[in-house]
Amino acid sequence: MLATPQTIAIMKQRYGAHCAGSFQPLEFGIELVDGPVTITLFPAGHILGSAQVRLAYQGRVAVVTGDYKTHADSTAQNFELVPCDLLVTEATFGLPVFQHPDPKQEISRLLASVQAQPERCHVIGAYALGKAQRVIRLIREAGHDAPIFLHGAQEKLCAYYAGQGVDLGNLQKALDRDKASFPGHIVIAPPSALRDRWSRRLPDPVICQASGWMTIKQRAKQSGVELPLVISDHADWNELTDTITASGADTIWVTHGREDALVHWCRSRGLQAEPLYMQGREEDAGE
C-alpha cells in the first residue's frame, strides 16, 4: 500500500495494523521512480492525508484526483492544483445543482438554532472520518467553546486528528452522560445513529446532518432531518469544472458520481472526455 503516512495511520486505526500486505509511506511532493514512471503525491484537500497521484511517463503527465475539494479546510492539507495532460476526476457532485454554500454560513445557522432552543440538544449526523472533525473545527472557529459530545464511533479518529495538531477543543463521551447533560449542547454522531436506539437517550433532539446531499431538500425531509447543513468534503460543480479548466488537461476521465453531465460539459468545450464506471463505488450519505 503506497500512501501518505497519515493515510496509512488512519487505515491501521480503522481496519487493523495488518490490513494491507505491506505499507510504503510517501510524503507529499517526494518523487518515487518505479521503472519508467515517476510517482508523486499531492494534497487532495478531502481529509487529513488525502492525496492526488501524479504519474509522469515519457513526457506526459496523468493526475488521479481521488476524492477532493478545493476550498480551504483547517483539518486537512489544502488542495494543490497539478497541471497535467490527463485528469482522472471524481464527480460525486457532478451536476450544476450542487453548488455548496460557505460552510461558515451553515455553522452560523447551527449556532443560531442552538441559542434559540436551549432546552433541546442538537445532534449532527457526520461521517466519522473527516466530516466529524471538520464540523467540530468549524464550530470552534465560530467561537463556540462549550463541550461537544461524541458518539463512540467518532472518538478514535477525533483523538488521532487532535494528535496531528488539529485543535478540536473540549470533547466528551456522550455515553457517559444522562439526559440532563445534553440540553443546549451539540452531539456528533454517525448518520446511521440518528435513526437507531442510541439517539433515544437525547432530550427532544434537533436532528441535523452535515452533507453535500442536504442540498436536496426532499432527501433531508425523507431522512427526518430538521436542520440540514450543506457541508461537503467533495468538490461541487463549480470546483470540478474550475479544476478541469485550470489543470490544462486535454483528456478527462470521470468517475464516482454523475459522470455523464461532467463528460458532456467537457466535450462541449472541445476536451476529450470519457466516463469510468467503477465497480464498488456506491453513493454515500456521509459525503
C-alpha atoms as a PDB file:
ATOM      1  CA  MET A   1       0.000   0.000   0.000  1.00  0.00           C
ATOM      2  CA  LEU A   2       1.592   3.244  -1.199  1.00  0.00           C
ATOM      3  CA  ALA A   3       0.081   6.222   0.629  1.00  0.00           C
ATOM      4  CA  THR A   4       0.839   9.242   2.777  1.00  0.00           C
ATOM      5  CA  PRO A   5       1.883   8.456   6.368  1.00  0.00           C
ATOM      6  CA  GLN A   6      -1.380   9.906   7.689  1.00  0.00           C
ATOM      7  CA  THR A   7      -3.477   7.762   5.358  1.00  0.00           C
ATOM      8  CA  ILE A   8      -1.579   4.677   6.494  1.00  0.00           C
ATOM      9  CA  ALA A   9      -2.110   5.582  10.158  1.00  0.00           C
ATOM     10  CA  ILE A  10      -5.837   6.113   9.587  1.00  0.00           C
ATOM     11  CA  MET A  11      -6.113   2.793   7.709  1.00  0.00           C
ATOM     12  CA  LYS A  12      -4.477   0.946  10.588  1.00  0.00           C
ATOM     13  CA  GLN A  13      -6.816   2.606  13.088  1.00  0.00           C
ATOM     14  CA  ARG A  14      -9.909   1.705  11.100  1.00  0.00           C
ATOM     15  CA  TYR A  15      -9.004  -1.708   9.695  1.00  0.00           C
ATOM     16  CA  GLY A  16      -6.191  -3.051  11.876  1.00  0.00           C
ATOM     17  CA  ALA A  17      -2.404  -2.990  11.789  1.00  0.00           C
ATOM     18  CA  HIS A  18      -2.212  -5.765   9.180  1.00  0.00           C
ATOM     19  CA  CYS A  19      -4.982  -4.560   6.843  1.00  0.00           C
ATOM     20  CA  ALA A  20      -2.517  -4.494   3.919  1.00  0.00           C
ATOM     21  CA  GLY A  21       0.242  -6.886   2.972  1.00  0.00           C
ATOM     22  CA  SER A  22       2.793  -4.100   3.291  1.00  0.00           C
ATOM     23  CA  PHE A  23       2.898  -0.325   3.613  1.00  0.00           C
ATOM     24  CA  GLN A  24       5.099   2.163   1.791  1.00  0.00           C
ATOM     25  CA  PRO A  25       4.730   5.725   3.100  1.00  0.00           C
ATOM     26  CA  LEU A  26       5.355   8.580   0.681  1.00  0.00           C
ATOM     27  CA  GLU A  27       5.350  12.214   1.741  1.00  0.00           C
ATOM     28  CA  PHE A  28       3.734  14.904  -0.391  1.00  0.00           C
ATOM     29  CA  GLY A  29       5.983  16.246  -3.150  1.00  0.00           C
ATOM     30  CA  ILE A  30       8.579  13.461  -2.957  1.00  0.00           C
ATOM     31  CA  GLU A  31       9.217  11.689  -6.270  1.00  0.00           C
ATOM     32  CA  LEU A  32       9.220   7.897  -6.378  1.00  0.00           C
ATOM     33  CA  VAL A  33      10.678   6.345  -9.524  1.00  0.00           C
ATOM     34  CA  ASP A  34       9.210   2.976 -10.475  1.00  0.00           C
ATOM     35  CA  GLY A  35      10.761   1.859 -13.764  1.00  0.00           C
ATOM     36  CA  PRO A  36       9.782   4.399 -16.444  1.00  0.00           C
ATOM     37  CA  VAL A  37       7.109   6.019 -14.262  1.00  0.00           C
ATOM     38  CA  THR A  38       7.644   8.761 -11.679  1.00  0.00           C
ATOM     39  CA  ILE A  39       5.015   8.874  -8.940  1.00  0.00           C
ATOM     40  CA  THR A  40       4.354  11.935  -6.773  1.00  0.00           C
ATOM     41  CA  LEU A  41       1.593  12.585  -4.255  1.00  0.00           C
ATOM     42  CA  PHE A  42      -0.062  15.993  -3.834  1.00  0.00           C
ATOM     43  CA  PRO A  43      -2.715  17.126  -1.317  1.00  0.00           C
ATOM     44  CA  ALA A  44      -6.301  16.481  -2.378  1.00  0.00           C
ATOM     45  CA  GLY A  45      -7.951  18.581   0.351  1.00  0.00           C
ATOM     46  CA  HIS A  46     -10.564  15.883   1.018  1.00  0.00           C
ATOM     47  CA  ILE A  47      -9.494  14.814   4.523  1.00  0.00           C
ATOM     48  CA  LEU A  48      -6.265  14.701   6.523  1.00  0.00           C
ATOM     49  CA  GLY A  49      -3.578  12.970   4.446  1.00  0.00           C
ATOM     50  CA  SER A  50      -5.705  12.505   1.329  1.00  0.00           C
ATOM     51  CA  ALA A  51      -3.670  12.568  -1.878  1.00  0.00           C
ATOM     52  CA  GLN A  52      -3.836  13.045  -5.605  1.00  0.00           C
ATOM     53  CA  VAL A  53      -1.467  10.818  -7.581  1.00  0.00           C
ATOM     54  CA  ARG A  54       0.723  12.336 -10.308  1.00  0.00           C
ATOM     55  CA  LEU A  55       2.130   9.848 -12.830  1.00  0.00           C
ATOM     56  CA  ALA A  56       4.803  11.064 -15.251  1.00  0.00           C
ATOM     57  CA  TYR A  57       5.800   8.848 -18.199  1.00  0.00           C
ATOM     58  CA  GLN A  58       7.794   9.792 -21.299  1.00  0.00           C
ATOM     59  CA  GLY A  59       6.972  13.491 -21.059  1.00  0.00           C
ATOM     60  CA  ARG A  60       3.264  13.007 -20.408  1.00  0.00           C
ATOM     61  CA  VAL A  61       1.548  13.537 -17.061  1.00  0.00           C
ATOM     62  CA  ALA A  62      -1.596  11.941 -15.654  1.00  0.00           C
ATOM     63  CA  VAL A  63      -3.218  13.008 -12.379  1.00  0.00           C
ATOM     64  CA  VAL A  64      -5.724  10.885 -10.459  1.00  0.00           C
ATOM     65  CA  THR A  65      -7.520  13.205  -8.023  1.00  0.00           C
ATOM     66  CA  GLY A  66      -9.317  10.678  -5.851  1.00  0.00           C
ATOM     67  CA  ASP A  67     -11.879  12.410  -3.650  1.00  0.00           C
ATOM     68  CA  TYR A  68     -11.067  16.111  -3.379  1.00  0.00           C
ATOM     69  CA  LYS A  69     -12.255  19.616  -2.632  1.00  0.00           C
ATOM     70  CA  THR A  70     -10.521  22.883  -3.402  1.00  0.00           C
ATOM     71  CA  HIS A  71     -11.874  25.125  -0.621  1.00  0.00           C
ATOM     72  CA  ALA A  72      -9.659  25.734   2.420  1.00  0.00           C
ATOM     73  CA  ASP A  73     -10.128  23.383   5.370  1.00  0.00           C
ATOM     74  CA  SER A  74      -8.118  23.680   8.597  1.00  0.00           C
ATOM     75  CA  THR A  75      -8.440  19.930   9.280  1.00  0.00           C
ATOM     76  CA  ALA A  76      -6.714  18.845   6.049  1.00  0.00           C
ATOM     77  CA  GLN A  77      -3.836  19.858   3.802  1.00  0.00           C
ATOM     78  CA  ASN A  78      -5.208  22.267   1.213  1.00  0.00           C
ATOM     79  CA  PHE A  79      -5.731  21.070  -2.353  1.00  0.00           C
ATOM     80  CA  GLU A  80      -2.851  21.714  -4.756  1.00  0.00           C
ATOM     81  CA  LEU A  81      -3.572  22.104  -8.447  1.00  0.00           C
ATOM     82  CA  VAL A  82      -1.338  19.826 -10.521  1.00  0.00           C
ATOM     83  CA  PRO A  83      -1.009  20.626 -14.255  1.00  0.00           C
ATOM     84  CA  CYS A  84      -1.392  17.532 -16.407  1.00  0.00           C
ATOM     85  CA  ASP A  85      -2.296  16.080 -19.804  1.00  0.00           C
ATOM     86  CA  LEU A  86      -4.784  13.502 -18.489  1.00  0.00           C
ATOM     87  CA  LEU A  87      -7.002  14.219 -15.485  1.00  0.00           C
ATOM     88  CA  VAL A  88      -8.948  11.444 -13.767  1.00  0.00           C
ATOM     89  CA  THR A  89     -11.512  13.260 -11.631  1.00  0.00           C
ATOM     90  CA  GLU A  90     -14.252  12.243  -9.250  1.00  0.00           C
ATOM     91  CA  ALA A  91     -17.780  13.551  -9.861  1.00  0.00           C
ATOM     92  CA  THR A  92     -19.701  12.863  -6.643  1.00  0.00           C
ATOM     93  CA  PHE A  93     -21.499  16.190  -7.050  1.00  0.00           C
ATOM     94  CA  GLY A  94     -21.131  16.424 -10.802  1.00  0.00           C
ATOM     95  CA  LEU A  95     -24.404  18.231 -11.537  1.00  0.00           C
ATOM     96  CA  PRO A  96     -24.901  22.031 -11.770  1.00  0.00           C
ATOM     97  CA  VAL A  97     -27.493  21.911  -8.964  1.00  0.00           C
ATOM     98  CA  PHE A  98     -24.700  21.153  -6.488  1.00  0.00           C
ATOM     99  CA  GLN A  99     -23.139  24.486  -5.554  1.00  0.00           C
ATOM    100  CA  HIS A 100     -22.152  24.269  -1.920  1.00  0.00           C
ATOM    101  CA  PRO A 101     -22.591  27.349   0.295  1.00  0.00           C
ATOM    102  CA  ASP A 102     -19.851  28.724   2.535  1.00  0.00           C
ATOM    103  CA  PRO A 103     -19.632  26.208   5.424  1.00  0.00           C
ATOM    104  CA  LYS A 104     -19.212  29.105   7.865  1.00  0.00           C
ATOM    105  CA  GLN A 105     -22.740  30.219   6.973  1.00  0.00           C
ATOM    106  CA  GLU A 106     -24.047  26.719   7.685  1.00  0.00           C
ATOM    107  CA  ILE A 107     -22.352  26.703  11.096  1.00  0.00           C
ATOM    108  CA  SER A 108     -23.829  30.144  11.831  1.00  0.00           C
ATOM    109  CA  ARG A 109     -27.285  28.689  11.176  1.00  0.00           C
ATOM    110  CA  LEU A 110     -26.498  25.805  13.525  1.00  0.00           C
ATOM    111  CA  LEU A 111     -25.302  28.023  16.373  1.00  0.00           C
ATOM    112  CA  ALA A 112     -28.268  30.364  15.946  1.00  0.00           C
ATOM    113  CA  SER A 113     -30.553  27.360  16.389  1.00  0.00           C
ATOM    114  CA  VAL A 114     -28.617  26.208  19.473  1.00  0.00           C
ATOM    115  CA  GLN A 115     -29.018  29.651  21.017  1.00  0.00           C
ATOM    116  CA  ALA A 116     -32.709  29.870  20.121  1.00  0.00           C
ATOM    117  CA  GLN A 117     -33.579  26.437  21.567  1.00  0.00           C
ATOM    118  CA  PRO A 118     -31.538  25.973  24.765  1.00  0.00           C
ATOM    119  CA  GLU A 119     -33.965  23.364  26.081  1.00  0.00           C
ATOM    120  CA  ARG A 120     -33.047  20.973  23.236  1.00  0.00           C
ATOM    121  CA  CYS A 121     -29.810  19.376  22.154  1.00  0.00           C
ATOM    122  CA  HIS A 122     -28.594  19.408  18.572  1.00  0.00           C
ATOM    123  CA  VAL A 123     -27.320  16.099  17.239  1.00  0.00           C
ATOM    124  CA  ILE A 124     -25.363  16.294  13.972  1.00  0.00           C
ATOM    125  CA  GLY A 125     -25.018  13.292  11.717  1.00  0.00           C
ATOM    126  CA  ALA A 126     -21.466  13.443  10.390  1.00  0.00           C
ATOM    127  CA  TYR A 127     -19.300  10.757   8.818  1.00  0.00           C
ATOM    128  CA  ALA A 128     -16.711   9.553  11.377  1.00  0.00           C
ATOM    129  CA  LEU A 129     -13.662  10.198   9.181  1.00  0.00           C
ATOM    130  CA  GLY A 130     -13.024  13.763   8.074  1.00  0.00           C
ATOM    131  CA  LYS A 131     -16.529  15.197   8.253  1.00  0.00           C
ATOM    132  CA  ALA A 132     -16.928  14.945  12.030  1.00  0.00           C
ATOM    133  CA  GLN A 133     -13.582  16.614  12.644  1.00  0.00           C
ATOM    134  CA  ARG A 134     -14.234  19.334  10.097  1.00  0.00           C
ATOM    135  CA  VAL A 135     -17.638  20.167  11.572  1.00  0.00           C
ATOM    136  CA  ILE A 136     -16.189  20.320  15.090  1.00  0.00           C
ATOM    137  CA  ARG A 137     -13.348  22.565  13.939  1.00  0.00           C
ATOM    138  CA  LEU A 138     -15.763  24.885  12.108  1.00  0.00           C
ATOM    139  CA  ILE A 139     -17.828  25.138  15.294  1.00  0.00           C
ATOM    140  CA  ARG A 140     -14.700  26.057  17.269  1.00  0.00           C
ATOM    141  CA  GLU A 141     -13.639  28.619  14.674  1.00  0.00           C
ATOM    142  CA  ALA A 142     -17.074  30.236  15.044  1.00  0.00           C
ATOM    143  CA  GLY A 143     -16.315  30.846  18.723  1.00  0.00           C
ATOM    144  CA  HIS A 144     -18.320  28.023  20.320  1.00  0.00           C
ATOM    145  CA  ASP A 145     -16.089  26.597  23.065  1.00  0.00           C
ATOM    146  CA  ALA A 146     -18.634  24.588  25.082  1.00  0.00           C
ATOM    147  CA  PRO A 147     -18.116  20.819  25.374  1.00  0.00           C
ATOM    148  CA  ILE A 148     -19.173  18.806  22.337  1.00  0.00           C
ATOM    149  CA  PHE A 149     -20.365  15.262  22.965  1.00  0.00           C
ATOM    150  CA  LEU A 150     -19.244  12.369  20.770  1.00  0.00           C
ATOM    151  CA  HIS A 151     -20.751   9.047  19.772  1.00  0.00           C
ATOM    152  CA  GLY A 152     -18.270   6.262  20.464  1.00  0.00           C
ATOM    153  CA  ALA A 153     -17.656   5.711  16.746  1.00  0.00           C
ATOM    154  CA  GLN A 154     -16.136   9.211  16.481  1.00  0.00           C
ATOM    155  CA  GLU A 155     -13.729   9.061  19.397  1.00  0.00           C
ATOM    156  CA  LYS A 156     -10.615   7.345  17.991  1.00  0.00           C
ATOM    157  CA  LEU A 157     -10.429   9.408  14.812  1.00  0.00           C
ATOM    158  CA  CYS A 158     -11.034  12.653  16.688  1.00  0.00           C
ATOM    159  CA  ALA A 159      -8.188  11.695  19.026  1.00  0.00           C
ATOM    160  CA  TYR A 160      -5.946  10.980  16.027  1.00  0.00           C
ATOM    161  CA  TYR A 161      -6.728  14.356  14.445  1.00  0.00           C
ATOM    162  CA  ALA A 162      -6.030  16.080  17.772  1.00  0.00           C
ATOM    163  CA  GLY A 163      -2.707  14.252  17.934  1.00  0.00           C
ATOM    164  CA  GLN A 164      -1.892  15.627  14.488  1.00  0.00           C
ATOM    165  CA  GLY A 165      -2.325  19.188  15.731  1.00  0.00           C
ATOM    166  CA  VAL A 166      -5.994  19.785  14.837  1.00  0.00           C
ATOM    167  CA  ASP A 167      -7.486  21.576  17.853  1.00  0.00           C
ATOM    168  CA  LEU A 168     -10.985  20.206  18.427  1.00  0.00           C
ATOM    169  CA  GLY A 169     -11.460  21.689  21.881  1.00  0.00           C
ATOM    170  CA  ASN A 170     -13.315  20.023  24.751  1.00  0.00           C
ATOM    171  CA  LEU A 171     -14.761  16.711  23.527  1.00  0.00           C
ATOM    172  CA  GLN A 172     -16.654  14.385  25.857  1.00  0.00           C
ATOM    173  CA  LYS A 173     -18.196  10.936  25.534  1.00  0.00           C
ATOM    174  CA  ALA A 174     -21.950  11.022  25.083  1.00  0.00           C
ATOM    175  CA  LEU A 175     -22.265   7.515  26.531  1.00  0.00           C
ATOM    176  CA  ASP A 176     -21.122   8.685  29.968  1.00  0.00           C
ATOM    177  CA  ARG A 177     -23.904  11.263  30.360  1.00  0.00           C
ATOM    178  CA  ASP A 178     -27.552  11.223  31.355  1.00  0.00           C
ATOM    179  CA  LYS A 179     -30.278  13.131  29.537  1.00  0.00           C
ATOM    180  CA  ALA A 180     -29.987  16.163  31.795  1.00  0.00           C
ATOM    181  CA  SER A 181     -26.471  16.837  30.461  1.00  0.00           C
ATOM    182  CA  PHE A 182     -27.478  17.426  26.853  1.00  0.00           C
ATOM    183  CA  PRO A 183     -29.895  20.396  26.571  1.00  0.00           C
ATOM    184  CA  GLY A 184     -28.179  23.367  24.959  1.00  0.00           C
ATOM    185  CA  HIS A 185     -25.277  21.235  23.734  1.00  0.00           C
ATOM    186  CA  ILE A 186     -24.105  19.732  20.453  1.00  0.00           C
ATOM    187  CA  VAL A 187     -23.696  16.000  19.889  1.00  0.00           C
ATOM    188  CA  ILE A 188     -21.824  14.496  16.920  1.00  0.00           C
ATOM    189  CA  ALA A 189     -22.786  11.011  15.738  1.00  0.00           C
ATOM    190  CA  PRO A 190     -22.669   8.876  12.574  1.00  0.00           C
ATOM    191  CA  PRO A 191     -25.683   9.477  10.316  1.00  0.00           C
ATOM    192  CA  SER A 192     -26.894   5.924  10.972  1.00  0.00           C
ATOM    193  CA  ALA A 193     -27.120   6.632  14.724  1.00  0.00           C
ATOM    194  CA  LEU A 194     -29.735   9.336  14.143  1.00  0.00           C
ATOM    195  CA  ARG A 195     -32.307   6.646  13.443  1.00  0.00           C
ATOM    196  CA  ASP A 196     -31.429   3.937  15.967  1.00  0.00           C
ATOM    197  CA  ARG A 197     -31.898   3.371  19.713  1.00  0.00           C
ATOM    198  CA  TRP A 198     -28.754   5.334  20.542  1.00  0.00           C
ATOM    199  CA  SER A 199     -30.440   8.663  19.754  1.00  0.00           C
ATOM    200  CA  ARG A 200     -33.340   7.992  22.122  1.00  0.00           C
ATOM    201  CA  ARG A 201     -31.176   8.990  25.089  1.00  0.00           C
ATOM    202  CA  LEU A 202     -31.154  12.574  23.800  1.00  0.00           C
ATOM    203  CA  PRO A 203     -33.814  15.051  25.041  1.00  0.00           C
ATOM    204  CA  ASP A 204     -36.002  16.254  22.181  1.00  0.00           C
ATOM    205  CA  PRO A 205     -33.039  16.499  19.796  1.00  0.00           C
ATOM    206  CA  VAL A 206     -32.853  18.789  16.787  1.00  0.00           C
ATOM    207  CA  ILE A 207     -31.772  16.337  14.116  1.00  0.00           C
ATOM    208  CA  CYS A 208     -29.085  17.822  11.863  1.00  0.00           C
ATOM    209  CA  GLN A 209     -26.968  16.295   9.132  1.00  0.00           C
ATOM    210  CA  ALA A 210     -23.801  17.645   7.554  1.00  0.00           C
ATOM    211  CA  SER A 211     -23.562  16.500   3.946  1.00  0.00           C
ATOM    212  CA  GLY A 212     -23.455  17.819   0.409  1.00  0.00           C
ATOM    213  CA  TRP A 213     -26.592  15.778  -0.221  1.00  0.00           C
ATOM    214  CA  MET A 214     -28.517  18.127   2.062  1.00  0.00           C
ATOM    215  CA  THR A 215     -28.772  20.435  -0.966  1.00  0.00           C
ATOM    216  CA  ILE A 216     -31.675  18.182  -1.978  1.00  0.00           C
ATOM    217  CA  LYS A 217     -34.459  19.305   0.368  1.00  0.00           C
ATOM    218  CA  GLN A 218     -36.622  16.261  -0.286  1.00  0.00           C
ATOM    219  CA  ARG A 219     -33.755  13.999   0.715  1.00  0.00           C
ATOM    220  CA  ALA A 220     -33.344  15.859   4.006  1.00  0.00           C
ATOM    221  CA  LYS A 221     -37.070  15.642   4.665  1.00  0.00           C
ATOM    222  CA  GLN A 222     -37.202  11.916   3.939  1.00  0.00           C
ATOM    223  CA  SER A 223     -34.297  11.388   6.349  1.00  0.00           C
ATOM    224  CA  GLY A 224     -36.102  13.207   9.150  1.00  0.00           C
ATOM    225  CA  VAL A 225     -33.512  15.973   9.225  1.00  0.00           C
ATOM    226  CA  GLU A 226     -34.833  19.138  10.854  1.00  0.00           C
ATOM    227  CA  LEU A 227     -31.744  21.259  10.239  1.00  0.00           C
ATOM    228  CA  PRO A 228     -29.826  20.262   7.072  1.00  0.00           C
ATOM    229  CA  LEU A 229     -26.238  21.546   6.912  1.00  0.00           C
ATOM    230  CA  VAL A 230     -24.758  21.618   3.418  1.00  0.00           C
ATOM    231  CA  ILE A 231     -21.139  20.881   4.295  1.00  0.00           C
ATOM    232  CA  SER A 232     -19.223  18.595   1.969  1.00  0.00           C
ATOM    233  CA  ASP A 233     -15.701  17.226   1.693  1.00  0.00           C
ATOM    234  CA  HIS A 234     -16.155  16.790  -2.067  1.00  0.00           C
ATOM    235  CA  ALA A 235     -15.842  19.295  -4.885  1.00  0.00           C
ATOM    236  CA  ASP A 236     -19.119  20.803  -6.076  1.00  0.00           C
ATOM    237  CA  TRP A 237     -19.949  21.519  -9.721  1.00  0.00           C
ATOM    238  CA  ASN A 238     -18.004  24.775  -9.875  1.00  0.00           C
ATOM    239  CA  GLU A 239     -14.950  23.282  -8.188  1.00  0.00           C
ATOM    240  CA  LEU A 240     -14.983  20.346 -10.598  1.00  0.00           C
ATOM    241  CA  THR A 241     -15.239  22.467 -13.718  1.00  0.00           C
ATOM    242  CA  ASP A 242     -12.731  25.042 -12.460  1.00  0.00           C
ATOM    243  CA  THR A 243     -10.222  22.311 -11.646  1.00  0.00           C
ATOM    244  CA  ILE A 244     -10.602  20.692 -15.057  1.00  0.00           C
ATOM    245  CA  THR A 245     -10.027  24.034 -16.770  1.00  0.00           C
ATOM    246  CA  ALA A 246      -7.082  25.059 -14.589  1.00  0.00           C
ATOM    247  CA  SER A 247      -5.334  21.685 -14.903  1.00  0.00           C
ATOM    248  CA  GLY A 248      -4.707  22.283 -18.609  1.00  0.00           C
ATOM    249  CA  ALA A 249      -5.577  18.654 -19.354  1.00  0.00           C
ATOM    250  CA  ASP A 250      -6.873  17.844 -22.827  1.00  0.00           C
ATOM    251  CA  THR A 251      -8.183  14.411 -21.797  1.00  0.00           C
ATOM    252  CA  ILE A 252     -10.587  13.921 -18.881  1.00  0.00           C
ATOM    253  CA  TRP A 253     -11.746  10.643 -17.375  1.00  0.00           C
ATOM    254  CA  VAL A 254     -14.681  10.984 -14.966  1.00  0.00           C
ATOM    255  CA  THR A 255     -15.630   8.550 -12.217  1.00  0.00           C
ATOM    256  CA  HIS A 256     -17.532   8.097  -8.951  1.00  0.00           C
ATOM    257  CA  GLY A 257     -20.746  10.014  -9.335  1.00  0.00           C
ATOM    258  CA  ARG A 258     -22.573  11.972 -12.026  1.00  0.00           C
ATOM    259  CA  GLU A 259     -20.193  11.108 -14.855  1.00  0.00           C
ATOM    260  CA  ASP A 260     -22.457  11.869 -17.816  1.00  0.00           C
ATOM    261  CA  ALA A 261     -23.121  15.548 -17.034  1.00  0.00           C
ATOM    262  CA  LEU A 262     -19.455  16.332 -16.466  1.00  0.00           C
ATOM    263  CA  VAL A 263     -18.406  14.388 -19.566  1.00  0.00           C
ATOM    264  CA  HIS A 264     -20.930  16.403 -21.618  1.00  0.00           C
ATOM    265  CA  TRP A 265     -19.579  19.667 -20.164  1.00  0.00           C
ATOM    266  CA  CYS A 266     -16.025  18.669 -21.098  1.00  0.00           C
ATOM    267  CA  ARG A 267     -16.904  17.597 -24.629  1.00  0.00           C
ATOM    268  CA  SER A 268     -18.853  20.808 -25.231  1.00  0.00           C
ATOM    269  CA  ARG A 269     -15.570  22.642 -24.614  1.00  0.00           C
ATOM    270  CA  GLY A 270     -13.517  20.562 -27.014  1.00  0.00           C
ATOM    271  CA  LEU A 271     -11.948  18.242 -24.460  1.00  0.00           C
ATOM    272  CA  GLN A 272     -11.652  14.502 -24.902  1.00  0.00           C
ATOM    273  CA  ALA A 273     -13.725  13.018 -22.087  1.00  0.00           C
ATOM    274  CA  GLU A 274     -14.918   9.563 -21.106  1.00  0.00           C
ATOM    275  CA  PRO A 275     -16.814   8.142 -18.121  1.00  0.00           C
ATOM    276  CA  LEU A 276     -15.198   5.445 -15.986  1.00  0.00           C
ATOM    277  CA  TYR A 277     -17.858   3.269 -14.425  1.00  0.00           C
ATOM    278  CA  MET A 278     -16.018   1.766 -11.480  1.00  0.00           C
ATOM    279  CA  GLN A 279     -17.423  -1.177  -9.557  1.00  0.00           C
ATOM    280  CA  GLY A 280     -17.934  -0.825  -5.821  1.00  0.00           C
ATOM    281  CA  ARG A 281     -18.350   2.955  -5.726  1.00  0.00           C
ATOM    282  CA  GLU A 282     -21.746   3.498  -4.198  1.00  0.00           C
ATOM    283  CA  GLU A 283     -23.403   6.761  -3.199  1.00  0.00           C
ATOM    284  CA  ASP A 284     -22.508   7.587   0.397  1.00  0.00           C
ATOM    285  CA  ALA A 285     -24.854   9.678   2.535  1.00  0.00           C
ATOM    286  CA  GLY A 286     -21.814  10.753   4.559  1.00  0.00           C
ATOM    287  CA  GLU A 287     -20.417  12.841   1.698  1.00  0.00           C
END
